[in-house]
Amino acid sequence: VVPAPAASEQQSQQSQQSQQSQQSQQSQQPLPAGQTAAGSLYLQLGAYSQASNAEAARARLTPGWDASLPPLQVVQTGNWYRIYSGPYANRAEADLAARRIDATGTVKSMIVQR
C-alpha cells in the first residue's frame, strides 16, 4: 500500500502546476512596447481553431512572403493553431519585421514571446 502524499506535497504540486499554467498564458500575450523579452520572440500572424484553416492561411501568405524573414509555421498551442514567423534575436528585429509585414496590408502581425 502506497501512502497518500502529504498535504504540503500536494500544495507544492498544485503551486507548480499553477505557475506553469500562468507562464504558458503569459508567453502568448503581446509584449508591451519597449520591453525586452528573455525568451524567443516571434511574430504571430493568425490563430485558428482548425488546423486546416491555419494551413490554408499560411498557404495564402507564403507566395508573397519576404524571403529575408523567417518562414511561416503553424504551431498548435492548446486548441489553437497559430501562424508564426521567427524566432527573432531581439525586440528591435521583431519590430522591424512586423512593420515590414504590416506595410504589405495583407496581414496584421503581433510580437509574442514563446
Protein backbone atom coordinates (compact mmCIF):
# COMPACT_ATOMS: atom_id res chain seq x y z
CA VAL A 1 0.00 0.00 0.00
CA VAL A 2 1.38 3.38 -1.00
CA PRO A 3 0.58 6.19 1.42
CA ALA A 4 -1.18 9.28 0.08
CA PRO A 5 1.07 12.32 -0.44
CA ALA A 6 1.27 14.69 2.49
CA ALA A 7 -0.86 17.82 2.32
CA SER A 8 2.23 20.03 1.94
CA GLU A 9 3.43 17.92 -1.02
CA GLN A 10 0.02 18.26 -2.69
CA GLN A 11 0.10 22.04 -2.16
CA SER A 12 3.60 22.18 -3.67
CA GLN A 13 2.45 20.23 -6.75
CA GLN A 14 -0.61 22.46 -7.15
CA SER A 15 1.57 25.57 -6.84
CA GLN A 16 3.96 24.30 -9.53
CA GLN A 17 1.06 23.48 -11.87
CA SER A 18 -0.43 26.93 -11.29
CA GLN A 19 2.91 28.63 -12.06
CA GLN A 20 3.34 26.58 -15.24
CA SER A 21 -0.18 27.49 -16.36
CA GLN A 22 0.44 31.18 -15.72
CA GLN A 23 3.76 31.07 -17.61
CA SER A 24 2.09 29.37 -20.57
CA GLN A 25 -0.65 32.03 -20.68
CA GLN A 26 1.88 34.86 -20.34
CA SER A 27 4.01 33.53 -23.20
CA GLN A 28 1.15 34.11 -25.64
CA GLN A 29 0.49 37.70 -24.55
CA PRO A 30 1.64 40.63 -26.71
CA LEU A 31 4.72 42.37 -25.33
CA PRO A 32 4.42 45.99 -24.24
CA ALA A 33 6.38 48.49 -26.32
CA GLY A 34 9.97 48.80 -25.21
CA GLN A 35 10.02 45.56 -23.23
CA THR A 36 12.84 43.17 -23.98
CA ALA A 37 11.93 39.50 -23.76
CA ALA A 38 14.15 36.95 -22.08
CA GLY A 39 12.94 34.18 -24.42
CA SER A 40 12.43 33.79 -28.12
CA LEU A 41 10.41 36.41 -29.95
CA TYR A 42 8.08 35.53 -32.81
CA LEU A 43 5.56 37.31 -34.97
CA GLN A 44 2.09 35.83 -34.71
CA LEU A 45 0.10 36.30 -37.89
CA GLY A 46 -3.09 34.45 -37.05
CA ALA A 47 -4.80 31.98 -34.73
CA TYR A 48 -7.35 29.41 -35.87
CA SER A 49 -9.43 26.77 -34.14
CA GLN A 50 -8.94 24.30 -37.01
CA ALA A 51 -5.59 23.16 -38.39
CA SER A 52 -6.92 23.18 -41.96
CA ASN A 53 -7.83 26.88 -41.69
CA ALA A 54 -4.39 27.75 -40.32
CA GLU A 55 -2.67 25.81 -43.10
CA ALA A 56 -4.88 27.49 -45.72
CA ALA A 57 -3.98 30.93 -44.34
CA ARG A 58 -0.28 30.03 -44.32
CA ALA A 59 -0.58 28.86 -47.92
CA ARG A 60 -2.20 32.19 -48.90
CA LEU A 61 0.58 34.19 -47.21
CA THR A 62 3.54 32.13 -48.43
CA PRO A 63 3.69 33.26 -52.12
CA GLY A 64 4.16 36.92 -51.16
CA TRP A 65 6.35 36.22 -48.14
CA ASP A 66 9.61 38.16 -47.90
CA ALA A 67 12.36 35.52 -48.22
CA SER A 68 14.64 37.50 -45.89
CA LEU A 69 12.22 36.82 -43.00
CA PRO A 70 11.97 33.52 -41.12
CA PRO A 71 9.49 31.16 -42.82
CA LEU A 72 5.89 30.80 -41.72
CA GLN A 73 4.98 27.88 -39.50
CA VAL A 74 1.76 26.58 -37.98
CA VAL A 75 2.10 25.62 -34.32
CA GLN A 76 -0.60 24.03 -32.17
CA THR A 77 -0.99 25.61 -28.72
CA GLY A 78 -3.84 24.04 -26.81
CA ASN A 79 -6.92 24.15 -29.03
CA TRP A 80 -5.45 26.83 -31.31
CA TYR A 81 -3.31 26.64 -34.43
CA ARG A 82 -1.19 29.76 -34.64
CA ILE A 83 0.83 31.06 -37.59
CA TYR A 84 4.28 32.25 -36.52
CA SER A 85 7.40 33.66 -38.10
CA GLY A 86 10.60 33.62 -36.09
CA PRO A 87 12.46 33.46 -33.88
CA TYR A 88 13.86 36.99 -33.84
CA ALA A 89 17.02 37.81 -31.90
CA ASN A 90 15.60 40.86 -30.12
CA ARG A 91 12.63 43.19 -29.86
CA ALA A 92 14.06 45.68 -32.39
CA GLU A 93 14.50 42.98 -35.04
CA ALA A 94 10.97 41.65 -34.43
CA ASP A 95 9.53 45.17 -34.56
CA LEU A 96 11.25 45.92 -37.87
CA ALA A 97 9.91 42.68 -39.37
CA ALA A 98 6.42 43.43 -38.04
CA ARG A 99 6.43 46.87 -39.67
CA ARG A 100 7.54 45.37 -42.99
CA ILE A 101 4.80 42.76 -42.87
CA ASP A 102 2.11 45.18 -41.73
CA ALA A 103 3.05 47.59 -44.54
CA THR A 104 2.02 45.00 -47.14
CA GLY A 105 -1.58 45.25 -45.96
CA THR A 106 -2.13 41.50 -46.30
CA VAL A 107 -1.97 40.65 -42.60
CA LYS A 108 -1.51 42.30 -39.21
CA SER A 109 1.24 40.84 -37.04
CA MET A 110 1.77 40.80 -33.30
CA ILE A 111 5.06 40.24 -31.43
CA VAL A 112 4.82 37.40 -28.91
CA GLN A 113 7.21 35.52 -26.66
CA ARG A 114 7.15 31.72 -26.88
